[in-house]
Structure formats: C-alpha cells, structure tokens
Amino acid sequence: MFTAVLWQIDALKGKRNSVNEIIKEEEVDRIVSNIFADFDGGKNIDKIDIYNKPDKAEVHELVKNLFRIIYPGYFRDRSYKIYNPKHSFAVIIEDIFYHLSKQVYLALDYCRKRGTLTDEERKQESYRICKAFFDRIPKIREYIETDLLATYDGDPAAGCFEEIILAYPGLMAITVYRIAHELYLEQVPVLPRLMTEYAHSKTGIDIHPGATIDKYFFIDHGTGIVIGETSVIGKNVKIYQGVTIGALSTRGGQKLSGKKRHPTICDNVTIYAGASILGGDTVIGENAVIGGNAFITRSIDANTRVSMKNLEMEYRTDGNERKSEELTQSEEWYYMI
C-alpha cells in the first residue's frame, strides 16, 4: 500500500515537471500581465475588490440561519451548544443581525433609487433596515403558517406538516420569497435576488422578490414555475409545475423598469401544470380555473374555466405516410398535475 502511494506521488511530480517544461515562467508572467491589463479596461465586470461587495455565500448562509428562526426546532444549528432555547435563539438572532447588517451595508452602495450615501449614512440605514426586518419576522411567520396549511389542505400526498416543512420544495421557495420580499420592500439592492435565486437553484422555482403574494399560497411539485417581479397574487391561489406568470415582452429593456409587466391573479384561482399567463394588463378573476398548458394573454372573468382547444397529433407510418389525429381533451387532460 505505502509503495503504491509513493509511486502515485512520483507520477504526479513527473506530470508537474513535464507541465513546467511546457509552460515556461516567462509565459506565465506574460499571460498574467495580459489578463491584469484587461482588468483595467473599464468593463462593468472589472471590480477586483471582493471585500466591499455583498458575499453570495454569506447571503446563502443567512437564508439557512433564518430558516432556524422561521421554523424553530426543525433546522438544527450544530455550531451552538447552548441548551436553553431562549439563549440559543438569542445567539442565533444576534449572529444573523450582525451578518445581515454587514451585507445590507455593502449592498446599499448599489442602490440607484437611494442615490449616493456616505459611509455613516449606510451604517445607520443598514441598522434601521435590519431592525425593521426583524420586527417583521412575526408577520413573515404568520403568512408562512397559512402557506403550510394551504399545502397540507391542497395535497393529499402530504403525510404531515413535518413532511411539508422538511421536504417540500414549494414551501421552501415560498419561505425564501417571503424573507426576501421584506428586504425588497426596503429597497435593499442585490440581496433579495441572491436569496430567491438560491431557492431557485435548490427547487427549480423562480419567484422574484418583488412579486406581491397574499396568504394561503400553495405550490405543488413546483419545478419550472416562474413568477415575475410585478405579479400580484391573491389569497388561496394554487399553482402547479411549469406555470409561468410572466411578461409579454421585455424588448423595452430598462425603460420598462418599475412598470406593471406581469399579471394579477385574484383570490381562489387554480392554475394547472404548464399554463402561461402573460402581460401586465392581464387579470385572472376570482375563482377562475386555468387548465393545463393554457396560454393566456388577456383577462379572464371571475368564475371562468379555461382550457386548451383540442390538439392535433401528427405521425408517420413505416411507409413514410403522414397521418394526423385530433386529441380530445378529457377531464384528465384539463386537470394535468
């Protein structure tokens, strides 16, 4: 065994020596100089000072720690050994406050809406924002409790509340959204998107932190869901996988920033898998049901049921003869989940 390890080490040394013979020191110096010269080219991506910018990894860690506050007892932090619950949460909350305040302080330098802030103003504002955010934790938890109830009531596969909290991607994405949304309302740049994109990477559910979503929101399965920044979603809304609540066009670029580009979904609406609802003027009325794969770009009246027209399937035989067949939409097709 020991001889084999020595042989592997020697082999690696040999490879390193052979590489050094190919890549000469002066070549490395030339490449480094060339790339560093390009860093001074005035590009938006040319910012080497990593210590004065929000830290993506630290923001992700903040989200994980906030889950310990939102769901006490469900997500254990093994770094703290205090067994008095009140003391344990005091330590966690203080730690989150410190790191969140630091990230907000760094992010405030990027806010176009606020204008230029002095260093002292950024410190004071980051403290104020974090204080306001923590004051809203009970409200966040109130909304998430309703989301949990809606998920349990809406999914017959849910065995218990614990299963939903620990395993369901929909509730995870909604929870991160509700956290990020409060920071978005405070006009904190960058951080809300880092949070919701973290959830997006974990769940496949993309909810912009600027969306307005009321209580009892239920996402089932979830993968591929997109909810745009100016979307407004009412109470008791159910959404299944592959649904897009999006904009008709973004060709206007930054000229469209701040304008209503995404639909309004009223109370008690159900949107089944694969449906796309687009446009800032589009309103889906109360109690409407949108069938699977529907494509909607205009408003739908309340108490309306929307379904796709019958589709046509085309296929070829072995003799290359082309045939077509109309697919009749059954109830199973309409309620595709």
Protein backbone atom coordinates (compact mmCIF):
# COMPACT_ATOMS: atom_id res chain seq x y z
CA MET A 1 0.00 0.00 0.00
CA PHE A 2 2.72 2.50 1.06
CA THR A 3 4.78 1.68 -2.05
CA ALA A 4 1.75 2.30 -4.24
CA VAL A 5 1.20 5.72 -2.65
CA LEU A 6 4.85 6.69 -3.21
CA TRP A 7 4.55 5.61 -6.83
CA GLN A 8 1.48 7.86 -7.29
CA ILE A 9 3.31 10.82 -5.72
CA ASP A 10 6.28 10.31 -8.03
CA ALA A 11 3.94 10.10 -11.01
CA LEU A 12 2.29 13.40 -10.03
CA LYS A 13 5.70 15.06 -9.64
CA GLY A 14 6.64 13.83 -13.08
CA LYS A 15 3.46 15.31 -14.55
CA ARG A 16 4.12 18.63 -12.81
CA ASN A 17 7.68 18.75 -14.14
CA SER A 18 6.52 17.98 -17.64
CA VAL A 19 3.91 20.78 -17.42
CA ASN A 20 6.57 23.21 -16.17
CA GLU A 21 8.66 22.37 -19.20
CA ILE A 22 5.72 23.20 -21.48
CA ILE A 23 4.55 26.36 -19.65
CA LYS A 24 7.65 28.41 -19.02
CA GLU A 25 7.79 31.01 -16.27
CA GLU A 26 8.06 33.92 -18.67
CA GLU A 27 4.94 32.68 -20.46
CA VAL A 28 3.02 32.62 -17.18
CA ASP A 29 4.19 36.17 -16.42
CA ARG A 30 3.11 37.31 -19.86
CA ILE A 31 -0.35 35.71 -19.51
CA VAL A 32 -0.89 37.20 -16.04
CA SER A 33 0.18 40.66 -17.20
CA ASN A 34 -2.07 40.44 -20.22
CA ILE A 35 -5.12 39.46 -18.16
CA PHE A 36 -4.46 42.08 -15.47
CA ALA A 37 -4.16 44.74 -18.17
CA ASP A 38 -7.60 43.65 -19.41
CA PHE A 39 -8.99 44.14 -15.87
CA ASP A 40 -8.32 47.87 -16.30
CA GLY A 41 -10.43 48.09 -19.44
CA GLY A 42 -13.36 49.89 -17.81
CA LYS A 43 -15.81 46.96 -18.13
CA ASN A 44 -18.67 46.53 -15.69
CA ILE A 45 -17.22 43.15 -14.72
CA ASP A 46 -13.85 44.73 -13.78
CA LYS A 47 -14.09 45.04 -9.99
CA ILE A 48 -11.39 43.16 -8.11
CA ASP A 49 -12.19 44.46 -4.61
CA ILE A 50 -14.17 41.45 -3.34
CA TYR A 51 -14.29 42.68 0.26
CA ASN A 52 -16.52 45.66 -0.46
CA LYS A 53 -19.30 43.76 -2.21
CA PRO A 54 -22.11 41.51 -0.98
CA ASP A 55 -20.93 37.96 -0.35
CA LYS A 56 -23.09 35.42 -2.18
CA ALA A 57 -22.05 32.52 0.07
CA GLU A 58 -22.72 34.55 3.22
CA VAL A 59 -26.19 35.52 1.97
CA HIS A 60 -26.96 31.84 1.34
CA GLU A 61 -25.83 31.06 4.88
CA LEU A 62 -28.09 33.84 6.17
CA VAL A 63 -31.06 32.16 4.45
CA LYS A 64 -30.24 28.85 6.15
CA ASN A 65 -29.96 30.55 9.53
CA LEU A 66 -33.22 32.43 9.03
CA PHE A 67 -34.95 29.09 8.43
CA ARG A 68 -33.95 28.20 12.02
CA ILE A 69 -35.87 31.25 13.20
CA ILE A 70 -38.87 30.76 10.92
CA TYR A 71 -39.14 27.05 11.79
CA PRO A 72 -37.75 26.71 15.34
CA GLY A 73 -36.84 23.13 16.12
CA TYR A 74 -36.83 21.92 12.51
CA PHE A 75 -33.39 23.03 11.31
CA ARG A 76 -30.72 22.43 13.91
CA ASP A 77 -27.57 24.52 14.05
CA ARG A 78 -24.76 22.27 15.23
CA SER A 79 -22.39 25.18 15.88
CA TYR A 80 -24.26 26.28 19.01
CA LYS A 81 -24.19 24.11 22.14
CA ILE A 82 -26.46 26.19 24.38
CA TYR A 83 -29.34 24.03 25.58
CA ASN A 84 -31.52 26.83 26.95
CA PRO A 85 -33.79 27.53 23.92
CA LYS A 86 -34.16 31.25 24.65
CA HIS A 87 -30.41 31.70 24.97
CA SER A 88 -29.79 29.62 21.84
CA PHE A 89 -32.13 31.73 19.74
CA ALA A 90 -30.67 34.92 21.21
CA VAL A 91 -27.24 33.86 19.96
CA ILE A 92 -28.60 32.90 16.52
CA ILE A 93 -30.62 36.11 16.14
CA GLU A 94 -27.68 38.28 17.18
CA ASP A 95 -25.44 36.45 14.70
CA ILE A 96 -27.96 36.86 11.86
CA PHE A 97 -28.48 40.54 12.69
CA TYR A 98 -24.74 41.22 12.57
CA HIS A 99 -24.12 39.44 9.27
CA LEU A 100 -27.29 40.71 7.60
CA SER A 101 -26.46 44.28 8.65
CA LYS A 102 -23.00 43.89 7.15
CA GLN A 103 -24.37 42.59 3.84
CA VAL A 104 -27.03 45.31 3.67
CA TYR A 105 -24.34 47.93 4.36
CA LEU A 106 -22.31 46.63 1.42
CA ALA A 107 -25.35 46.33 -0.85
CA LEU A 108 -26.60 49.87 -0.23
CA ASP A 109 -23.72 51.17 -2.34
CA TYR A 110 -25.52 49.71 -5.39
CA CYS A 111 -28.93 51.30 -4.93
CA ARG A 112 -29.75 53.72 -7.74
CA LYS A 113 -33.02 54.78 -6.09
CA ARG A 114 -31.31 55.98 -2.91
CA GLY A 115 -28.54 57.97 -4.55
CA THR A 116 -25.08 58.25 -3.02
CA LEU A 117 -24.82 57.62 0.72
CA THR A 118 -21.93 58.48 3.00
CA ASP A 119 -20.30 55.70 4.97
CA GLU A 120 -22.06 56.82 8.17
CA GLU A 121 -25.43 57.03 6.39
CA ARG A 122 -25.00 53.49 5.09
CA LYS A 123 -24.23 52.23 8.60
CA GLN A 124 -27.29 53.91 10.05
CA GLU A 125 -29.54 52.80 7.20
CA SER A 126 -28.35 49.18 7.32
CA TYR A 127 -29.06 49.10 11.06
CA ARG A 128 -32.53 50.60 10.55
CA ILE A 129 -33.37 48.14 7.77
CA CYS A 130 -32.27 45.13 9.82
CA LYS A 131 -34.25 46.32 12.84
CA ALA A 132 -37.36 46.79 10.67
CA PHE A 133 -36.80 43.37 9.08
CA PHE A 134 -36.58 41.57 12.41
CA ASP A 135 -39.69 43.41 13.62
CA ARG A 136 -41.50 41.81 10.65
CA ILE A 137 -40.43 38.24 11.45
CA PRO A 138 -43.75 37.52 13.25
CA LYS A 139 -45.64 38.74 10.14
CA ILE A 140 -43.47 36.56 7.87
CA ARG A 141 -44.16 33.54 10.09
CA GLU A 142 -47.90 34.32 10.12
CA TYR A 143 -48.01 34.22 6.31
CA ILE A 144 -45.87 31.09 6.11
CA GLU A 145 -48.17 29.32 8.57
CA THR A 146 -51.04 29.92 6.14
CA ASP A 147 -48.90 28.63 3.25
CA LEU A 148 -48.20 25.46 5.24
CA LEU A 149 -51.93 24.97 5.92
CA ALA A 150 -52.76 25.56 2.24
CA THR A 151 -50.17 22.99 1.19
CA TYR A 152 -51.45 20.36 3.61
CA ASP A 153 -55.06 21.01 2.60
CA GLY A 154 -54.26 21.01 -1.12
CA ASP A 155 -52.05 17.93 -1.38
CA PRO A 156 -53.50 14.53 -0.44
CA ALA A 157 -49.95 13.12 -0.66
CA ALA A 158 -48.84 15.22 2.31
CA GLY A 159 -48.48 12.90 5.29
CA CYS A 160 -47.98 15.57 7.95
CA PHE A 161 -46.84 19.14 8.50
CA GLU A 162 -43.31 17.96 9.30
CA GLU A 163 -43.01 16.30 5.90
CA ILE A 164 -44.02 19.53 4.14
CA ILE A 165 -41.62 21.71 6.14
CA LEU A 166 -38.64 19.40 5.70
CA ALA A 167 -39.21 18.07 2.19
CA TYR A 168 -41.48 20.21 0.02
CA PRO A 169 -39.69 22.49 -2.49
CA GLY A 170 -42.78 24.68 -2.87
CA LEU A 171 -42.82 25.71 0.78
CA MET A 172 -39.05 26.26 0.74
CA ALA A 173 -39.30 28.61 -2.25
CA ILE A 174 -42.25 30.48 -0.73
CA THR A 175 -40.42 30.87 2.59
CA VAL A 176 -37.32 32.32 0.95
CA TYR A 177 -39.53 34.61 -1.15
CA ARG A 178 -41.33 35.93 1.94
CA ILE A 179 -37.99 36.67 3.63
CA ALA A 180 -36.54 38.35 0.54
CA HIS A 181 -39.73 40.31 -0.16
CA GLU A 182 -39.43 42.23 3.10
CA LEU A 183 -35.90 43.34 2.16
CA TYR A 184 -37.13 44.21 -1.33
CA LEU A 185 -39.77 46.50 0.20
CA GLU A 186 -36.93 48.30 1.98
CA GLN A 187 -35.27 48.81 -1.43
CA VAL A 188 -32.25 46.72 -0.47
CA PRO A 189 -30.33 46.03 -3.71
CA VAL A 190 -28.89 42.66 -4.76
CA LEU A 191 -29.58 40.68 -1.54
CA PRO A 192 -33.27 39.81 -2.21
CA ARG A 193 -32.34 38.39 -5.63
CA LEU A 194 -29.43 36.44 -4.18
CA MET A 195 -31.89 34.88 -1.74
CA THR A 196 -34.61 33.94 -4.22
CA GLU A 197 -32.07 32.71 -6.78
CA TYR A 198 -30.64 30.48 -4.07
CA ALA A 199 -34.12 28.98 -3.66
CA HIS A 200 -34.42 28.80 -7.46
CA SER A 201 -31.21 26.77 -7.68
CA LYS A 202 -32.46 24.38 -4.98
CA THR A 203 -36.08 23.96 -6.10
CA GLY A 204 -36.42 24.98 -9.74
CA ILE A 205 -38.99 27.60 -8.62
CA ASP A 206 -38.22 31.19 -9.67
CA ILE A 207 -40.16 33.78 -7.64
CA HIS A 208 -38.98 37.36 -7.98
CA PRO A 209 -38.77 39.02 -4.55
CA GLY A 210 -40.78 41.98 -5.88
CA ALA A 211 -43.91 39.91 -6.53
CA THR A 212 -46.84 40.57 -4.20
CA ILE A 213 -48.29 37.30 -2.85
CA ASP A 214 -51.09 37.09 -0.29
CA LYS A 215 -51.77 34.36 2.29
CA TYR A 216 -52.53 30.66 1.74
CA PHE A 217 -50.30 30.31 -1.32
CA PHE A 218 -49.84 26.72 -2.49
CA ILE A 219 -47.23 25.46 -4.97
CA ASP A 220 -47.43 21.76 -5.82
CA HIS A 221 -44.43 19.94 -7.35
CA GLY A 222 -43.11 23.34 -8.37
CA THR A 223 -40.34 22.65 -10.88
CA GLY A 224 -40.27 25.22 -13.67
CA ILE A 225 -42.56 27.79 -12.06
CA VAL A 226 -41.74 31.44 -12.89
CA ILE A 227 -43.39 34.39 -11.13
CA GLY A 228 -42.30 37.83 -12.34
CA GLU A 229 -41.44 40.95 -10.38
CA THR A 230 -44.71 42.89 -10.77
CA SER A 231 -47.04 39.90 -10.40
CA VAL A 232 -49.86 40.28 -7.88
CA ILE A 233 -51.31 37.07 -6.42
CA GLY A 234 -54.32 36.99 -4.12
CA LYS A 235 -55.37 34.63 -1.32
CA ASN A 236 -55.86 30.88 -1.69
CA VAL A 237 -54.10 30.56 -5.05
CA LYS A 238 -52.85 27.15 -6.19
CA ILE A 239 -50.12 26.76 -8.81
CA TYR A 240 -48.70 23.57 -10.28
CA GLN A 241 -45.41 22.81 -12.00
CA GLY A 242 -44.33 24.54 -15.19
CA VAL A 243 -46.56 27.59 -14.73
CA THR A 244 -45.32 30.97 -15.95
CA ILE A 245 -46.76 34.22 -14.63
CA GLY A 246 -44.68 36.45 -16.85
CA ALA A 247 -44.31 39.46 -19.12
CA LEU A 248 -45.44 39.61 -22.73
CA SER A 249 -42.23 41.28 -23.87
CA THR A 250 -39.09 42.84 -22.41
CA ARG A 251 -37.93 44.48 -25.62
CA GLY A 252 -38.19 47.87 -23.94
CA GLY A 253 -35.35 46.91 -21.59
CA GLN A 254 -34.72 49.29 -18.68
CA LYS A 255 -37.47 51.63 -19.91
CA LEU A 256 -39.93 49.06 -18.52
CA SER A 257 -38.34 49.04 -15.08
CA GLY A 258 -40.91 49.79 -12.37
CA LYS A 259 -43.88 49.34 -14.72
CA LYS A 260 -46.55 46.66 -14.33
CA ARG A 261 -45.41 43.91 -16.69
CA HIS A 262 -46.86 40.80 -15.08
CA PRO A 263 -50.43 39.55 -14.46
CA THR A 264 -52.71 39.89 -11.49
CA ILE A 265 -54.13 36.64 -10.13
CA CYS A 266 -57.19 37.19 -7.93
CA ASP A 267 -58.33 35.14 -4.93
CA ASN A 268 -59.11 31.41 -5.10
CA VAL A 269 -57.59 30.83 -8.55
CA THR A 270 -56.12 27.45 -9.55
CA ILE A 271 -53.54 27.25 -12.35
CA TYR A 272 -52.69 23.77 -13.59
CA ALA A 273 -49.42 22.46 -14.99
CA GLY A 274 -47.73 24.11 -17.95
CA ALA A 275 -50.04 27.13 -18.18
CA SER A 276 -48.62 30.51 -19.22
CA ILE A 277 -50.31 33.76 -18.15
CA LEU A 278 -48.64 36.86 -19.56
CA GLY A 279 -48.94 40.64 -19.54
CA GLY A 280 -49.29 43.46 -17.04
CA ASP A 281 -52.90 44.17 -18.04
CA THR A 282 -53.95 40.54 -17.69
CA VAL A 283 -56.22 39.86 -14.71
CA ILE A 284 -57.42 36.38 -13.78
CA GLY A 285 -60.71 36.85 -11.93
CA GLU A 286 -61.68 35.26 -8.63
CA ASN A 287 -62.41 31.52 -8.55
CA ALA A 288 -61.16 31.00 -12.12
CA VAL A 289 -59.56 27.68 -13.04
CA ILE A 290 -56.86 27.64 -15.72
CA GLY A 291 -56.37 24.26 -17.36
CA GLY A 292 -53.08 22.55 -18.15
CA ASN A 293 -50.97 24.08 -20.96
CA ALA A 294 -53.31 27.06 -21.43
CA PHE A 295 -51.72 30.16 -22.98
CA ILE A 296 -53.37 33.37 -21.80
CA THR A 297 -52.56 36.97 -22.78
CA ARG A 298 -55.87 38.69 -21.90
CA SER A 299 -58.02 38.99 -18.80
CA ILE A 300 -60.30 36.15 -17.69
CA ASP A 301 -63.58 36.81 -15.94
CA ALA A 302 -64.28 35.55 -12.43
CA ASN A 303 -65.72 32.03 -12.05
CA THR A 304 -64.43 31.05 -15.50
CA ARG A 305 -62.89 27.74 -16.51
CA VAL A 306 -60.25 27.96 -19.26
CA SER A 307 -59.00 25.00 -21.29
CA MET A 308 -56.97 24.38 -24.44
CA LYS A 309 -58.62 23.58 -27.75
CA ASN A 310 -58.31 20.02 -28.94
CA LEU A 311 -54.79 19.33 -30.19
CA GLU A 312 -53.76 17.51 -33.33
CA MET A 313 -51.12 14.79 -33.18
CA GLU A 314 -49.18 14.13 -36.39
CA TYR A 315 -47.15 10.98 -37.05
CA ARG A 316 -45.67 8.95 -39.90
CA THR A 317 -46.08 5.27 -40.73
CA ASP A 318 -43.24 2.93 -41.75
CA GLY A 319 -44.05 3.74 -45.36
CA ASN A 320 -43.45 7.44 -44.59
CA GLU A 321 -47.16 8.13 -44.90
CA ARG A 322 -48.16 11.15 -42.83
CA LYS A 323 -51.28 10.87 -40.68
CA SER A 324 -52.92 13.13 -38.12
CA GLU A 325 -55.33 12.56 -35.28
CA GLU A 326 -57.25 15.01 -33.11
CA LEU A 327 -56.68 14.57 -29.38
CA THR A 328 -59.88 15.10 -27.45
CA GLN A 329 -59.37 16.90 -24.17
CA SER A 330 -60.69 14.84 -21.31
CA GLU A 331 -61.05 15.87 -17.68
CA GLU A 332 -57.72 14.15 -17.04
CA TRP A 333 -56.01 16.40 -19.57
CA TYR A 334 -57.57 19.52 -18.09
CA TYR A 335 -56.50 18.74 -14.54
CA MET A 336 -52.99 17.72 -15.51
CA ILE A 337 -50.80 17.87 -12.42
